[in-house]
Amino acid sequence: MMGMVTELNEIALARFRAQIMAQLQELRETGAAGQAARAVVELDQQSVGRLSRMDALQNQAMAKAQQARREVEALRLTRALARIEAGEYGYCDSCGDDLPEGRLSLDPAATRCVSCARG
């Protein structure tokens, strides 16, 4: 099948490793930047009105949810690095077929081919 590879070569693996490392670094930087948004919200009515507090609590909840999504993505990427090191990268976890390089370029942490991911 066109676009499929029987085995990823070292150049492709190095490219995916670098892409994964860059995404992990970006997640770390974004998480550090959002740390203030996840801080405890002060409940001092003198300094912040009720609606402002509600907004602050909502913003805090959204920041925590974003951090949780970043942590899940970081785990996926870390597992992808482990698969590269173990020589198990680029194969579908469900059917065992090779994952197309295009799919891995879009999502280097992908573990399933498109067919298995749909079903």
N, C-alpha and C. Protein backbone atom coordinates (compact mmCIF):
# COMPACT_ATOMS: atom_id res chain seq x y z
N MET A 1 0.85 -1.17 0.00
CA MET A 1 0.00 0.00 0.00
C MET A 1 0.89 1.23 0.00
N MET A 2 0.56 2.21 -0.81
CA MET A 2 1.38 3.41 -0.92
C MET A 2 1.32 4.23 0.36
N GLY A 3 2.45 4.74 0.80
CA GLY A 3 2.49 5.53 2.02
C GLY A 3 2.79 4.69 3.25
N MET A 4 2.67 3.39 3.12
CA MET A 4 2.97 2.50 4.23
C MET A 4 4.45 2.15 4.17
N VAL A 5 5.02 1.86 5.29
CA VAL A 5 6.40 1.42 5.34
C VAL A 5 6.44 0.10 6.07
N THR A 6 7.34 -0.78 5.67
CA THR A 6 7.44 -2.04 6.37
C THR A 6 8.17 -1.87 7.69
N GLU A 7 9.06 -0.92 7.72
CA GLU A 7 9.78 -0.63 8.96
C GLU A 7 10.32 0.79 8.86
N LEU A 8 10.19 1.54 9.92
CA LEU A 8 10.70 2.90 9.91
C LEU A 8 12.22 2.86 9.95
N ASN A 9 12.85 3.66 9.07
CA ASN A 9 14.31 3.69 9.08
C ASN A 9 14.81 4.61 10.20
N GLU A 10 16.11 4.59 10.42
CA GLU A 10 16.70 5.37 11.51
C GLU A 10 16.48 6.87 11.35
N ILE A 11 16.47 7.34 10.11
CA ILE A 11 16.26 8.77 9.88
C ILE A 11 14.84 9.16 10.30
N ALA A 12 13.86 8.34 9.91
CA ALA A 12 12.47 8.61 10.29
C ALA A 12 12.30 8.52 11.80
N LEU A 13 12.90 7.52 12.42
CA LEU A 13 12.81 7.40 13.87
C LEU A 13 13.43 8.59 14.58
N ALA A 14 14.56 9.06 14.08
CA ALA A 14 15.20 10.24 14.67
C ALA A 14 14.31 11.47 14.52
N ARG A 15 13.65 11.59 13.37
CA ARG A 15 12.74 12.72 13.14
C ARG A 15 11.55 12.65 14.10
N PHE A 16 10.97 11.47 14.28
CA PHE A 16 9.84 11.32 15.19
C PHE A 16 10.28 11.55 16.64
N ARG A 17 11.46 11.07 16.99
CA ARG A 17 11.98 11.28 18.34
C ARG A 17 12.13 12.78 18.62
N ALA A 18 12.69 13.50 17.65
CA ALA A 18 12.87 14.95 17.80
C ALA A 18 11.52 15.66 17.88
N GLN A 19 10.55 15.23 17.08
CA GLN A 19 9.22 15.82 17.10
C GLN A 19 8.56 15.59 18.46
N ILE A 20 8.69 14.39 18.98
CA ILE A 20 8.10 14.06 20.29
C ILE A 20 8.76 14.89 21.39
N MET A 21 10.09 14.99 21.35
CA MET A 21 10.81 15.77 22.37
C MET A 21 10.39 17.24 22.32
N ALA A 22 10.21 17.78 21.12
CA ALA A 22 9.80 19.18 20.98
C ALA A 22 8.38 19.37 21.53
N GLN A 23 7.49 18.42 21.28
CA GLN A 23 6.13 18.52 21.79
C GLN A 23 6.12 18.42 23.32
N LEU A 24 6.94 17.54 23.88
CA LEU A 24 7.03 17.43 25.33
C LEU A 24 7.54 18.74 25.95
N GLN A 25 8.54 19.34 25.34
CA GLN A 25 9.08 20.61 25.83
C GLN A 25 8.02 21.70 25.78
N GLU A 26 7.26 21.74 24.69
CA GLU A 26 6.19 22.73 24.56
C GLU A 26 5.12 22.53 25.64
N LEU A 27 4.78 21.27 25.92
CA LEU A 27 3.80 20.99 26.97
C LEU A 27 4.31 21.46 28.33
N ARG A 28 5.59 21.22 28.60
CA ARG A 28 6.18 21.67 29.88
C ARG A 28 6.13 23.19 30.01
N GLU A 29 6.50 23.88 28.94
CA GLU A 29 6.52 25.34 28.96
C GLU A 29 5.11 25.90 29.11
N THR A 30 4.15 25.33 28.41
CA THR A 30 2.77 25.79 28.50
C THR A 30 2.22 25.52 29.90
N GLY A 31 2.56 24.37 30.47
CA GLY A 31 2.11 24.04 31.82
C GLY A 31 2.68 24.99 32.85
N ALA A 32 3.94 25.34 32.69
CA ALA A 32 4.57 26.27 33.63
C ALA A 32 3.94 27.66 33.51
N ALA A 33 3.62 28.06 32.29
CA ALA A 33 3.02 29.39 32.07
C ALA A 33 1.62 29.46 32.67
N GLY A 34 0.90 28.35 32.69
CA GLY A 34 -0.47 28.35 33.20
C GLY A 34 -0.58 28.08 34.69
N GLN A 35 0.55 27.97 35.36
CA GLN A 35 0.55 27.64 36.79
C GLN A 35 -0.19 28.68 37.62
N ALA A 36 -0.04 29.93 37.29
CA ALA A 36 -0.71 31.00 38.05
C ALA A 36 -2.22 30.90 37.92
N ALA A 37 -2.71 30.46 36.78
CA ALA A 37 -4.16 30.35 36.57
C ALA A 37 -4.76 29.23 37.41
N ARG A 38 -3.93 28.27 37.82
CA ARG A 38 -4.43 27.15 38.63
C ARG A 38 -4.30 27.42 40.13
N ALA A 39 -3.77 28.58 40.49
CA ALA A 39 -3.53 28.91 41.90
C ALA A 39 -4.85 29.05 42.65
N VAL A 40 -4.78 28.99 43.96
CA VAL A 40 -5.95 29.13 44.81
C VAL A 40 -6.56 30.51 44.61
N VAL A 41 -7.88 30.52 44.49
CA VAL A 41 -8.59 31.78 44.30
C VAL A 41 -8.90 32.38 45.66
N GLU A 42 -8.52 33.63 45.85
CA GLU A 42 -8.79 34.34 47.09
C GLU A 42 -10.29 34.62 47.21
N LEU A 43 -10.85 34.44 48.39
CA LEU A 43 -12.27 34.68 48.61
C LEU A 43 -12.53 35.96 49.39
N ASP A 44 -11.62 36.90 49.33
CA ASP A 44 -11.75 38.18 50.01
C ASP A 44 -12.72 39.07 49.23
N GLN A 45 -13.91 39.28 49.76
CA GLN A 45 -14.92 40.07 49.07
C GLN A 45 -14.54 41.54 48.95
N GLN A 46 -13.66 42.00 49.79
CA GLN A 46 -13.26 43.40 49.73
C GLN A 46 -12.41 43.68 48.49
N SER A 47 -11.59 42.71 48.09
CA SER A 47 -10.69 42.96 46.98
C SER A 47 -11.26 42.49 45.64
N VAL A 48 -12.20 41.54 45.68
CA VAL A 48 -12.75 40.99 44.45
C VAL A 48 -14.26 40.84 44.62
N GLY A 49 -15.03 41.33 43.66
CA GLY A 49 -16.47 41.18 43.72
C GLY A 49 -16.91 39.75 43.47
N ARG A 50 -18.17 39.47 43.76
CA ARG A 50 -18.69 38.09 43.65
C ARG A 50 -18.58 37.57 42.22
N LEU A 51 -18.96 38.37 41.23
CA LEU A 51 -18.87 37.91 39.85
C LEU A 51 -17.43 37.70 39.42
N SER A 52 -16.54 38.56 39.87
CA SER A 52 -15.12 38.40 39.55
C SER A 52 -14.58 37.11 40.17
N ARG A 53 -15.01 36.81 41.39
CA ARG A 53 -14.59 35.56 42.04
C ARG A 53 -15.10 34.36 41.26
N MET A 54 -16.37 34.45 40.82
CA MET A 54 -16.94 33.34 40.04
C MET A 54 -16.16 33.15 38.74
N ASP A 55 -15.81 34.25 38.10
CA ASP A 55 -14.99 34.18 36.89
C ASP A 55 -13.63 33.56 37.19
N ALA A 56 -13.05 33.97 38.30
CA ALA A 56 -11.74 33.45 38.68
C ALA A 56 -11.82 31.95 38.95
N LEU A 57 -12.89 31.50 39.62
CA LEU A 57 -13.06 30.07 39.90
C LEU A 57 -13.26 29.29 38.60
N GLN A 58 -14.03 29.86 37.68
CA GLN A 58 -14.25 29.20 36.40
C GLN A 58 -12.94 29.12 35.62
N ASN A 59 -12.19 30.21 35.60
CA ASN A 59 -10.90 30.21 34.91
C ASN A 59 -9.95 29.20 35.54
N GLN A 60 -9.98 29.10 36.87
CA GLN A 60 -9.13 28.12 37.56
C GLN A 60 -9.52 26.71 37.15
N ALA A 61 -10.82 26.42 37.09
CA ALA A 61 -11.29 25.08 36.70
C ALA A 61 -10.86 24.76 35.27
N MET A 62 -10.97 25.73 34.38
CA MET A 62 -10.55 25.51 32.99
C MET A 62 -9.04 25.28 32.91
N ALA A 63 -8.27 26.03 33.69
CA ALA A 63 -6.82 25.86 33.68
C ALA A 63 -6.43 24.48 34.20
N LYS A 64 -7.14 24.00 35.23
CA LYS A 64 -6.86 22.66 35.75
C LYS A 64 -7.21 21.59 34.72
N ALA A 65 -8.31 21.77 34.00
CA ALA A 65 -8.69 20.81 32.96
C ALA A 65 -7.66 20.81 31.83
N GLN A 66 -7.19 21.98 31.45
CA GLN A 66 -6.15 22.06 30.41
C GLN A 66 -4.88 21.36 30.87
N GLN A 67 -4.52 21.54 32.14
CA GLN A 67 -3.33 20.88 32.67
C GLN A 67 -3.50 19.37 32.65
N ALA A 68 -4.68 18.89 32.99
CA ALA A 68 -4.93 17.45 32.96
C ALA A 68 -4.78 16.91 31.53
N ARG A 69 -5.28 17.65 30.54
CA ARG A 69 -5.12 17.23 29.14
C ARG A 69 -3.64 17.24 28.74
N ARG A 70 -2.89 18.25 29.19
CA ARG A 70 -1.45 18.28 28.90
C ARG A 70 -0.74 17.08 29.51
N GLU A 71 -1.13 16.71 30.71
CA GLU A 71 -0.50 15.56 31.37
C GLU A 71 -0.78 14.26 30.63
N VAL A 72 -2.01 14.09 30.14
CA VAL A 72 -2.36 12.90 29.36
C VAL A 72 -1.54 12.87 28.07
N GLU A 73 -1.44 14.00 27.40
CA GLU A 73 -0.67 14.07 26.16
C GLU A 73 0.82 13.80 26.43
N ALA A 74 1.35 14.34 27.51
CA ALA A 74 2.75 14.09 27.86
C ALA A 74 2.99 12.61 28.11
N LEU A 75 2.03 11.95 28.75
CA LEU A 75 2.15 10.51 28.99
C LEU A 75 2.15 9.73 27.68
N ARG A 76 1.26 10.11 26.76
CA ARG A 76 1.21 9.46 25.44
C ARG A 76 2.55 9.62 24.72
N LEU A 77 3.11 10.84 24.77
CA LEU A 77 4.37 11.10 24.09
C LEU A 77 5.53 10.36 24.75
N THR A 78 5.53 10.29 26.07
CA THR A 78 6.58 9.56 26.79
C THR A 78 6.52 8.08 26.44
N ARG A 79 5.32 7.55 26.35
CA ARG A 79 5.17 6.14 25.96
C ARG A 79 5.65 5.90 24.53
N ALA A 80 5.41 6.88 23.65
CA ALA A 80 5.89 6.76 22.27
C ALA A 80 7.42 6.72 22.25
N LEU A 81 8.07 7.56 23.07
CA LEU A 81 9.54 7.50 23.16
C LEU A 81 10.01 6.13 23.63
N ALA A 82 9.30 5.57 24.60
CA ALA A 82 9.67 4.25 25.11
C ALA A 82 9.52 3.19 24.01
N ARG A 83 8.47 3.33 23.19
CA ARG A 83 8.29 2.37 22.08
C ARG A 83 9.41 2.51 21.06
N ILE A 84 9.87 3.75 20.81
CA ILE A 84 10.99 3.94 19.89
C ILE A 84 12.22 3.23 20.43
N GLU A 85 12.52 3.46 21.70
CA GLU A 85 13.71 2.85 22.32
C GLU A 85 13.62 1.32 22.34
N ALA A 86 12.41 0.79 22.47
CA ALA A 86 12.22 -0.67 22.53
C ALA A 86 12.12 -1.30 21.14
N GLY A 87 12.13 -0.47 20.09
CA GLY A 87 12.00 -1.00 18.73
C GLY A 87 10.58 -1.43 18.40
N GLU A 88 9.61 -0.90 19.11
CA GLU A 88 8.21 -1.28 18.90
C GLU A 88 7.38 -0.13 18.34
N TYR A 89 8.01 0.90 17.86
CA TYR A 89 7.32 2.10 17.39
C TYR A 89 6.86 1.91 15.95
N GLY A 90 5.68 2.43 15.64
CA GLY A 90 5.21 2.45 14.26
C GLY A 90 4.32 1.28 13.90
N TYR A 91 3.87 0.54 14.88
CA TYR A 91 2.99 -0.60 14.63
C TYR A 91 1.67 -0.40 15.37
N CYS A 92 0.58 -0.86 14.75
CA CYS A 92 -0.74 -0.75 15.36
C CYS A 92 -0.84 -1.72 16.54
N ASP A 93 -1.30 -1.20 17.67
CA ASP A 93 -1.47 -2.04 18.86
C ASP A 93 -2.57 -3.08 18.68
N SER A 94 -3.52 -2.80 17.80
CA SER A 94 -4.65 -3.71 17.63
C SER A 94 -4.39 -4.80 16.60
N CYS A 95 -3.98 -4.41 15.40
CA CYS A 95 -3.83 -5.39 14.32
C CYS A 95 -2.38 -5.73 13.99
N GLY A 96 -1.44 -4.91 14.48
CA GLY A 96 -0.02 -5.19 14.24
C GLY A 96 0.52 -4.65 12.93
N ASP A 97 -0.34 -4.06 12.10
CA ASP A 97 0.12 -3.49 10.83
C ASP A 97 1.00 -2.27 11.08
N ASP A 98 1.78 -1.93 10.06
CA ASP A 98 2.61 -0.73 10.13
C ASP A 98 1.71 0.50 10.09
N LEU A 99 2.08 1.50 10.86
CA LEU A 99 1.39 2.78 10.81
C LEU A 99 2.02 3.62 9.71
N PRO A 100 1.21 4.28 8.88
CA PRO A 100 1.78 5.12 7.82
C PRO A 100 2.57 6.28 8.44
N GLU A 101 3.66 6.65 7.79
CA GLU A 101 4.47 7.77 8.29
C GLU A 101 3.65 9.05 8.37
N GLY A 102 2.71 9.23 7.45
CA GLY A 102 1.87 10.42 7.49
C GLY A 102 1.05 10.51 8.76
N ARG A 103 0.53 9.36 9.20
CA ARG A 103 -0.24 9.33 10.45
C ARG A 103 0.66 9.68 11.62
N LEU A 104 1.86 9.12 11.64
CA LEU A 104 2.80 9.39 12.72
C LEU A 104 3.28 10.84 12.70
N SER A 105 3.36 11.43 11.51
CA SER A 105 3.76 12.84 11.42
C SER A 105 2.71 13.73 12.06
N LEU A 106 1.43 13.38 11.86
CA LEU A 106 0.35 14.17 12.46
C LEU A 106 0.22 13.92 13.95
N ASP A 107 0.40 12.66 14.36
CA ASP A 107 0.30 12.29 15.77
C ASP A 107 1.38 11.26 16.07
N PRO A 108 2.56 11.72 16.48
CA PRO A 108 3.66 10.78 16.70
C PRO A 108 3.42 9.81 17.85
N ALA A 109 2.39 10.05 18.65
CA ALA A 109 2.06 9.14 19.75
C ALA A 109 0.97 8.16 19.36
N ALA A 110 0.56 8.15 18.09
CA ALA A 110 -0.50 7.25 17.64
C ALA A 110 -0.09 5.80 17.89
N THR A 111 -1.06 5.01 18.34
CA THR A 111 -0.80 3.60 18.61
C THR A 111 -1.67 2.67 17.77
N ARG A 112 -2.61 3.26 17.03
CA ARG A 112 -3.53 2.45 16.24
C ARG A 112 -3.64 3.01 14.83
N CYS A 113 -3.82 2.11 13.86
CA CYS A 113 -4.03 2.54 12.48
C CYS A 113 -5.43 3.15 12.38
N VAL A 114 -5.70 3.82 11.29
CA VAL A 114 -6.97 4.51 11.12
C VAL A 114 -8.14 3.52 11.20
N SER A 115 -7.99 2.36 10.57
CA SER A 115 -9.07 1.37 10.57
C SER A 115 -9.41 0.91 11.99
N CYS A 116 -8.41 0.60 12.76
CA CYS A 116 -8.64 0.14 14.14
C CYS A 116 -9.13 1.27 15.03
N ALA A 117 -8.65 2.49 14.79
CA ALA A 117 -9.08 3.62 15.60
C ALA A 117 -10.56 3.94 15.36
N ARG A 118 -11.05 3.68 14.14
CA ARG A 118 -12.46 3.93 13.82
C ARG A 118 -13.36 2.90 14.48
N GLY A 119 -12.91 1.67 14.48
CA GLY A 119 -13.79 0.58 14.92
C GLY A 119 -13.60 0.25 16.32
